[in-house]
Amino acid sequence: MLPPWLPSPRALCALQRVLLVTLLTPAVLIALTTAIPALVVLPFFPSGTDRAIKILTAHTRYLSTLLTNSRPDP
């Protein structure tokens, strides 16, 4: 039994998601900011386009995993 001053478990899950995304957003922005020079320069090197695609795929996978796993249970 939860104390009466605590929000419901569903509200706590939603709050957890908001906090998780809020805390991890700066880290993701820093990672993307550091990847921008690589994404600008890599296409001019041999097989650089493939490496740039791998970087973008990794960032996309990370963000989708973060948002999917932080979703509250129905």
PDB file of N, CA and C in Angstrom:
ATOM      1  N   MET A   1       0.846  -1.184   0.000  1.00  0.00           N
ATOM      2  CA  MET A   1       0.000   0.000   0.000  1.00  0.00           C
ATOM      3  C   MET A   1       0.883   1.236   0.000  1.00  0.00           C
ATOM      4  N   LEU A   2       0.614   2.115  -0.925  1.00  0.00           N
ATOM      5  CA  LEU A   2       1.375   3.356  -1.035  1.00  0.00           C
ATOM      6  C   LEU A   2       0.840   4.401  -0.061  1.00  0.00           C
ATOM      7  N   PRO A   3       1.733   5.237   0.445  1.00  0.00           N
ATOM      8  CA  PRO A   3       1.250   6.342   1.277  1.00  0.00           C
ATOM      9  C   PRO A   3       0.342   7.260   0.454  1.00  0.00           C
ATOM     10  N   PRO A   4      -0.618   7.907   1.094  1.00  0.00           N
ATOM     11  CA  PRO A   4      -1.580   8.734   0.343  1.00  0.00           C
ATOM     12  C   PRO A   4      -0.955   9.936  -0.350  1.00  0.00           C
ATOM     13  N   TRP A   5       0.198  10.383   0.089  1.00  0.00           N
ATOM     14  CA  TRP A   5       0.819  11.558  -0.520  1.00  0.00           C
ATOM     15  C   TRP A   5       1.588  11.223  -1.790  1.00  0.00           C
ATOM     16  N   LEU A   6       1.805   9.932  -2.065  1.00  0.00           N
ATOM     17  CA  LEU A   6       2.487   9.532  -3.304  1.00  0.00           C
ATOM     18  C   LEU A   6       1.499   9.458  -4.460  1.00  0.00           C
ATOM     19  N   PRO A   7       1.930   9.865  -5.648  1.00  0.00           N
ATOM     20  CA  PRO A   7       1.042   9.709  -6.808  1.00  0.00           C
ATOM     21  C   PRO A   7       0.857   8.226  -7.155  1.00  0.00           C
ATOM     22  N   SER A   8      -0.064   7.966  -8.038  1.00  0.00           N
ATOM     23  CA  SER A   8      -0.353   6.588  -8.440  1.00  0.00           C
ATOM     24  C   SER A   8       0.860   5.992  -9.169  1.00  0.00           C
ATOM     25  N   PRO A   9       0.952   4.663  -9.213  1.00  0.00           N
ATOM     26  CA  PRO A   9       2.073   4.029  -9.922  1.00  0.00           C
ATOM     27  C   PRO A   9       2.156   4.440 -11.389  1.00  0.00           C
ATOM     28  N   ARG A  10       1.026   4.624 -12.032  1.00  0.00           N
ATOM     29  CA  ARG A  10       1.041   5.051 -13.437  1.00  0.00           C
ATOM     30  C   ARG A  10       1.641   6.450 -13.571  1.00  0.00           C
ATOM     31  N   ALA A  11       1.291   7.339 -12.654  1.00  0.00           N
ATOM     32  CA  ALA A  11       1.851   8.694 -12.689  1.00  0.00           C
ATOM     33  C   ALA A  11       3.356   8.651 -12.399  1.00  0.00           C
ATOM     34  N   LEU A  12       3.771   7.749 -11.513  1.00  0.00           N
ATOM     35  CA  LEU A  12       5.197   7.602 -11.226  1.00  0.00           C
ATOM     36  C   LEU A  12       5.953   7.102 -12.445  1.00  0.00           C
ATOM     37  N   CYS A  13       5.358   6.202 -13.202  1.00  0.00           N
ATOM     38  CA  CYS A  13       5.999   5.706 -14.429  1.00  0.00           C
ATOM     39  C   CYS A  13       6.141   6.828 -15.455  1.00  0.00           C
ATOM     40  N   ALA A  14       5.117   7.637 -15.580  1.00  0.00           N
ATOM     41  CA  ALA A  14       5.185   8.764 -16.513  1.00  0.00           C
ATOM     42  C   ALA A  14       6.246   9.758 -16.063  1.00  0.00           C
ATOM     43  N   LEU A  15       6.318  10.010 -14.769  1.00  0.00           N
ATOM     44  CA  LEU A  15       7.332  10.914 -14.239  1.00  0.00           C
ATOM     45  C   LEU A  15       8.728  10.345 -14.448  1.00  0.00           C
ATOM     46  N   GLN A  16       8.856   9.033 -14.303  1.00  0.00           N
ATOM     47  CA  GLN A  16      10.143   8.379 -14.532  1.00  0.00           C
ATOM     48  C   GLN A  16      10.592   8.592 -15.979  1.00  0.00           C
ATOM     49  N   ARG A  17       9.668   8.462 -16.912  1.00  0.00           N
ATOM     50  CA  ARG A  17      10.018   8.649 -18.325  1.00  0.00           C
ATOM     51  C   ARG A  17      10.455  10.079 -18.590  1.00  0.00           C
ATOM     52  N   VAL A  18       9.732  11.029 -18.031  1.00  0.00           N
ATOM     53  CA  VAL A  18      10.084  12.437 -18.224  1.00  0.00           C
ATOM     54  C   VAL A  18      11.471  12.716 -17.659  1.00  0.00           C
ATOM     55  N   LEU A  19      11.741  12.219 -16.462  1.00  0.00           N
ATOM     56  CA  LEU A  19      13.049  12.440 -15.846  1.00  0.00           C
ATOM     57  C   LEU A  19      14.164  11.761 -16.635  1.00  0.00           C
ATOM     58  N   LEU A  20      13.920  10.547 -17.086  1.00  0.00           N
ATOM     59  CA  LEU A  20      14.938   9.825 -17.843  1.00  0.00           C
ATOM     60  C   LEU A  20      15.280  10.548 -19.139  1.00  0.00           C
ATOM     61  N   VAL A  21      14.272  10.961 -19.868  1.00  0.00           N
ATOM     62  CA  VAL A  21      14.509  11.660 -21.128  1.00  0.00           C
ATOM     63  C   VAL A  21      15.170  13.014 -20.860  1.00  0.00           C
ATOM     64  N   THR A  22      14.753  13.701 -19.798  1.00  0.00           N
ATOM     65  CA  THR A  22      15.343  14.997 -19.461  1.00  0.00           C
ATOM     66  C   THR A  22      16.814  14.860 -19.106  1.00  0.00           C
ATOM     67  N   LEU A  23      17.160  13.824 -18.362  1.00  0.00           N
ATOM     68  CA  LEU A  23      18.545  13.639 -17.951  1.00  0.00           C
ATOM     69  C   LEU A  23      19.437  13.160 -19.094  1.00  0.00           C
ATOM     70  N   LEU A  24      18.903  12.362 -19.997  1.00  0.00           N
ATOM     71  CA  LEU A  24      19.723  11.806 -21.059  1.00  0.00           C
ATOM     72  C   LEU A  24      19.770  12.663 -22.325  1.00  0.00           C
ATOM     73  N   THR A  25      18.881  13.622 -22.444  1.00  0.00           N
ATOM     74  CA  THR A  25      18.885  14.479 -23.627  1.00  0.00           C
ATOM     75  C   THR A  25      20.197  15.245 -23.791  1.00  0.00           C
ATOM     76  N   PRO A  26      20.750  15.850 -22.730  1.00  0.00           N
ATOM     77  CA  PRO A  26      22.044  16.536 -22.931  1.00  0.00           C
ATOM     78  C   PRO A  26      23.152  15.594 -23.411  1.00  0.00           C
ATOM     79  N   ALA A  27      23.181  14.373 -22.904  1.00  0.00           N
ATOM     80  CA  ALA A  27      24.202  13.425 -23.346  1.00  0.00           C
ATOM     81  C   ALA A  27      24.033  13.093 -24.831  1.00  0.00           C
ATOM     82  N   VAL A  28      22.807  12.927 -25.266  1.00  0.00           N
ATOM     83  CA  VAL A  28      22.553  12.630 -26.675  1.00  0.00           C
ATOM     84  C   VAL A  28      22.922  13.840 -27.542  1.00  0.00           C
ATOM     85  N   LEU A  29      22.601  15.027 -27.076  1.00  0.00           N
ATOM     86  CA  LEU A  29      22.943  16.227 -27.845  1.00  0.00           C
ATOM     87  C   LEU A  29      24.455  16.409 -27.950  1.00  0.00           C
ATOM     88  N   ILE A  30      25.175  16.112 -26.884  1.00  0.00           N
ATOM     89  CA  ILE A  30      26.633  16.197 -26.935  1.00  0.00           C
ATOM     90  C   ILE A  30      27.182  15.169 -27.931  1.00  0.00           C
ATOM     91  N   ALA A  31      26.647  13.964 -27.891  1.00  0.00           N
ATOM     92  CA  ALA A  31      27.109  12.931 -28.826  1.00  0.00           C
ATOM     93  C   ALA A  31      26.818  13.322 -30.271  1.00  0.00           C
ATOM     94  N   LEU A  32      25.651  13.876 -30.517  1.00  0.00           N
ATOM     95  CA  LEU A  32      25.318  14.306 -31.877  1.00  0.00           C
ATOM     96  C   LEU A  32      26.181  15.491 -32.309  1.00  0.00           C
ATOM     97  N   THR A  33      26.456  16.411 -31.384  1.00  0.00           N
ATOM     98  CA  THR A  33      27.285  17.566 -31.706  1.00  0.00           C
ATOM     99  C   THR A  33      28.703  17.135 -32.073  1.00  0.00           C
ATOM    100  N   THR A  34      29.223  16.153 -31.367  1.00  0.00           N
ATOM    101  CA  THR A  34      30.570  15.683 -31.692  1.00  0.00           C
ATOM    102  C   THR A  34      30.583  14.846 -32.963  1.00  0.00           C
ATOM    103  N   ALA A  35      29.445  14.290 -33.356  1.00  0.00           N
ATOM    104  CA  ALA A  35      29.386  13.472 -34.559  1.00  0.00           C
ATOM    105  C   ALA A  35      29.212  14.308 -35.825  1.00  0.00           C
ATOM    106  N   ILE A  36      28.762  15.548 -35.684  1.00  0.00           N
ATOM    107  CA  ILE A  36      28.508  16.382 -36.868  1.00  0.00           C
ATOM    108  C   ILE A  36      29.764  16.571 -37.721  1.00  0.00           C
ATOM    109  N   PRO A  37      30.931  16.914 -37.137  1.00  0.00           N
ATOM    110  CA  PRO A  37      32.114  17.034 -38.006  1.00  0.00           C
ATOM    111  C   PRO A  37      32.443  15.742 -38.753  1.00  0.00           C
ATOM    112  N   ALA A  38      32.272  14.613 -38.082  1.00  0.00           N
ATOM    113  CA  ALA A  38      32.534  13.339 -38.755  1.00  0.00           C
ATOM    114  C   ALA A  38      31.550  13.124 -39.898  1.00  0.00           C
ATOM    115  N   LEU A  39      30.293  13.482 -39.682  1.00  0.00           N
ATOM    116  CA  LEU A  39      29.293  13.294 -40.728  1.00  0.00           C
ATOM    117  C   LEU A  39      29.517  14.231 -41.907  1.00  0.00           C
ATOM    118  N   VAL A  40      30.150  15.371 -41.660  1.00  0.00           N
ATOM    119  CA  VAL A  40      30.444  16.315 -42.741  1.00  0.00           C
ATOM    120  C   VAL A  40      31.659  15.852 -43.544  1.00  0.00           C
ATOM    121  N   VAL A  41      32.665  15.295 -42.872  1.00  0.00           N
ATOM    122  CA  VAL A  41      33.936  14.957 -43.521  1.00  0.00           C
ATOM    123  C   VAL A  41      33.949  13.531 -44.082  1.00  0.00           C
ATOM    124  N   LEU A  42      33.310  12.595 -43.410  1.00  0.00           N
ATOM    125  CA  LEU A  42      33.396  11.183 -43.804  1.00  0.00           C
ATOM    126  C   LEU A  42      32.995  10.886 -45.247  1.00  0.00           C
ATOM    127  N   PRO A  43      31.965  11.504 -45.792  1.00  0.00           N
ATOM    128  CA  PRO A  43      31.596  11.152 -47.176  1.00  0.00           C
ATOM    129  C   PRO A  43      32.686  11.396 -48.214  1.00  0.00           C
ATOM    130  N   PHE A  44      33.692  12.182 -47.889  1.00  0.00           N
ATOM    131  CA  PHE A  44      34.768  12.460 -48.843  1.00  0.00           C
ATOM    132  C   PHE A  44      35.883  11.430 -48.790  1.00  0.00           C
ATOM    133  N   PHE A  45      35.832  10.500 -47.860  1.00  0.00           N
ATOM    134  CA  PHE A  45      36.839   9.449 -47.745  1.00  0.00           C
ATOM    135  C   PHE A  45      36.301   8.155 -48.361  1.00  0.00           C
ATOM    136  N   PRO A  46      37.207   7.259 -48.766  1.00  0.00           N
ATOM    137  CA  PRO A  46      36.743   5.969 -49.275  1.00  0.00           C
ATOM    138  C   PRO A  46      35.963   5.221 -48.190  1.00  0.00           C
ATOM    139  N   SER A  47      34.855   4.705 -48.527  1.00  0.00           N
ATOM    140  CA  SER A  47      33.913   3.993 -47.643  1.00  0.00           C
ATOM    141  C   SER A  47      33.471   4.855 -46.466  1.00  0.00           C
ATOM    142  N   GLY A  48      33.616   6.152 -46.600  1.00  0.00           N
ATOM    143  CA  GLY A  48      33.191   7.066 -45.542  1.00  0.00           C
ATOM    144  C   GLY A  48      31.685   7.169 -45.428  1.00  0.00           C
ATOM    145  N   THR A  49      30.999   7.033 -46.555  1.00  0.00           N
ATOM    146  CA  THR A  49      29.540   7.090 -46.519  1.00  0.00           C
ATOM    147  C   THR A  49      28.979   5.948 -45.694  1.00  0.00           C
ATOM    148  N   ASP A  50      29.566   4.768 -45.829  1.00  0.00           N
ATOM    149  CA  ASP A  50      29.112   3.623 -45.032  1.00  0.00           C
ATOM    150  C   ASP A  50      29.331   3.876 -43.545  1.00  0.00           C
ATOM    151  N   ARG A  51      30.461   4.464 -43.205  1.00  0.00           N
ATOM    152  CA  ARG A  51      30.732   4.763 -41.795  1.00  0.00           C
ATOM    153  C   ARG A  51      29.786   5.835 -41.266  1.00  0.00           C
ATOM    154  N   ALA A  52      29.464   6.833 -42.081  1.00  0.00           N
ATOM    155  CA  ALA A  52      28.520   7.869 -41.666  1.00  0.00           C
ATOM    156  C   ALA A  52      27.131   7.268 -41.440  1.00  0.00           C
ATOM    157  N   ILE A  53      26.736   6.354 -42.305  1.00  0.00           N
ATOM    158  CA  ILE A  53      25.439   5.683 -42.138  1.00  0.00           C
ATOM    159  C   ILE A  53      25.438   4.865 -40.854  1.00  0.00           C
ATOM    160  N   LYS A  54      26.547   4.202 -40.525  1.00  0.00           N
ATOM    161  CA  LYS A  54      26.635   3.430 -39.285  1.00  0.00           C
ATOM    162  C   LYS A  54      26.508   4.335 -38.059  1.00  0.00           C
ATOM    163  N   ILE A  55      27.109   5.533 -38.125  1.00  0.00           N
ATOM    164  CA  ILE A  55      26.999   6.476 -37.008  1.00  0.00           C
ATOM    165  C   ILE A  55      25.547   6.903 -36.821  1.00  0.00           C
ATOM    166  N   LEU A  56      24.892   7.260 -37.919  1.00  0.00           N
ATOM    167  CA  LEU A  56      23.493   7.686 -37.835  1.00  0.00           C
ATOM    168  C   LEU A  56      22.582   6.550 -37.375  1.00  0.00           C
ATOM    169  N   THR A  57      22.860   5.339 -37.834  1.00  0.00           N
ATOM    170  CA  THR A  57      22.067   4.182 -37.411  1.00  0.00           C
ATOM    171  C   THR A  57      22.230   3.934 -35.919  1.00  0.00           C
ATOM    172  N   ALA A  58      23.449   4.064 -35.410  1.00  0.00           N
ATOM    173  CA  ALA A  58      23.690   3.863 -33.982  1.00  0.00           C
ATOM    174  C   ALA A  58      22.946   4.905 -33.150  1.00  0.00           C
ATOM    175  N   HIS A  59      22.975   6.168 -33.587  1.00  0.00           N
ATOM    176  CA  HIS A  59      22.248   7.210 -32.853  1.00  0.00           C
ATOM    177  C   HIS A  59      20.740   6.975 -32.905  1.00  0.00           C
ATOM    178  N   THR A  60      20.238   6.590 -34.051  1.00  0.00           N
ATOM    179  CA  THR A  60      18.805   6.319 -34.170  1.00  0.00           C
ATOM    180  C   THR A  60      18.391   5.148 -33.285  1.00  0.00           C
ATOM    181  N   ARG A  61      19.183   4.085 -33.280  1.00  0.00           N
ATOM    182  CA  ARG A  61      18.891   2.919 -32.453  1.00  0.00           C
ATOM    183  C   ARG A  61      18.918   3.298 -30.969  1.00  0.00           C
ATOM    184  N   TYR A  62      19.892   4.113 -30.573  1.00  0.00           N
ATOM    185  CA  TYR A  62      20.008   4.528 -29.182  1.00  0.00           C
ATOM    186  C   TYR A  62      18.777   5.323 -28.759  1.00  0.00           C
ATOM    187  N   LEU A  63      18.373   6.279 -29.577  1.00  0.00           N
ATOM    188  CA  LEU A  63      17.217   7.101 -29.231  1.00  0.00           C
ATOM    189  C   LEU A  63      15.924   6.300 -29.202  1.00  0.00           C
ATOM    190  N   SER A  64      15.736   5.422 -30.157  1.00  0.00           N
ATOM    191  CA  SER A  64      14.504   4.631 -30.163  1.00  0.00           C
ATOM    192  C   SER A  64      14.467   3.665 -28.983  1.00  0.00           C
ATOM    193  N   THR A  65      15.616   3.102 -28.608  1.00  0.00           N
ATOM    194  CA  THR A  65      15.667   2.228 -27.437  1.00  0.00           C
ATOM    195  C   THR A  65      15.371   3.013 -26.171  1.00  0.00           C
ATOM    196  N   LEU A  66      15.921   4.195 -26.077  1.00  0.00           N
ATOM    197  CA  LEU A  66      15.681   5.043 -24.911  1.00  0.00           C
ATOM    198  C   LEU A  66      14.204   5.362 -24.763  1.00  0.00           C
ATOM    199  N   LEU A  67      13.571   5.770 -25.843  1.00  0.00           N
ATOM    200  CA  LEU A  67      12.158   6.142 -25.766  1.00  0.00           C
ATOM    201  C   LEU A  67      11.243   4.943 -25.605  1.00  0.00           C
ATOM    202  N   THR A  68      11.580   3.832 -26.223  1.00  0.00           N
ATOM    203  CA  THR A  68      10.737   2.647 -26.105  1.00  0.00           C
ATOM    204  C   THR A  68      10.805   2.049 -24.710  1.00  0.00           C
ATOM    205  N   ASN A  69      11.994   1.955 -24.153  1.00  0.00           N
ATOM    206  CA  ASN A  69      12.162   1.328 -22.844  1.00  0.00           C
ATOM    207  C   ASN A  69      11.768   2.240 -21.694  1.00  0.00           C
ATOM    208  N   SER A  70      11.610   3.521 -21.937  1.00  0.00           N
ATOM    209  CA  SER A  70      11.195   4.418 -20.865  1.00  0.00           C
ATOM    210  C   SER A  70       9.677   4.614 -20.854  1.00  0.00           C
ATOM    211  N   ARG A  71       8.995   3.939 -21.768  1.00  0.00           N
ATOM    212  CA  ARG A  71       7.539   4.055 -21.855  1.00  0.00           C
ATOM    213  C   ARG A  71       6.891   3.361 -20.654  1.00  0.00           C
ATOM    214  N   PRO A  72       5.922   4.014 -20.003  1.00  0.00           N
ATOM    215  CA  PRO A  72       5.262   3.363 -18.859  1.00  0.00           C
ATOM    216  C   PRO A  72       4.425   2.170 -19.311  1.00  0.00           C
ATOM    217  N   ASP A  73       4.296   1.203 -18.428  1.00  0.00           N
ATOM    218  CA  ASP A  73       3.491   0.025 -18.729  1.00  0.00           C
ATOM    219  C   ASP A  73       2.017   0.407 -18.789  1.00  0.00           C
ATOM    220  N   PRO A  74       1.254  -0.194 -19.710  1.00  0.00           N
ATOM    221  CA  PRO A  74      -0.174   0.134 -19.804  1.00  0.00           C
ATOM    222  C   PRO A  74      -0.980  -0.448 -18.662  1.00  0.00           C
TER     223      PRO A  74
END
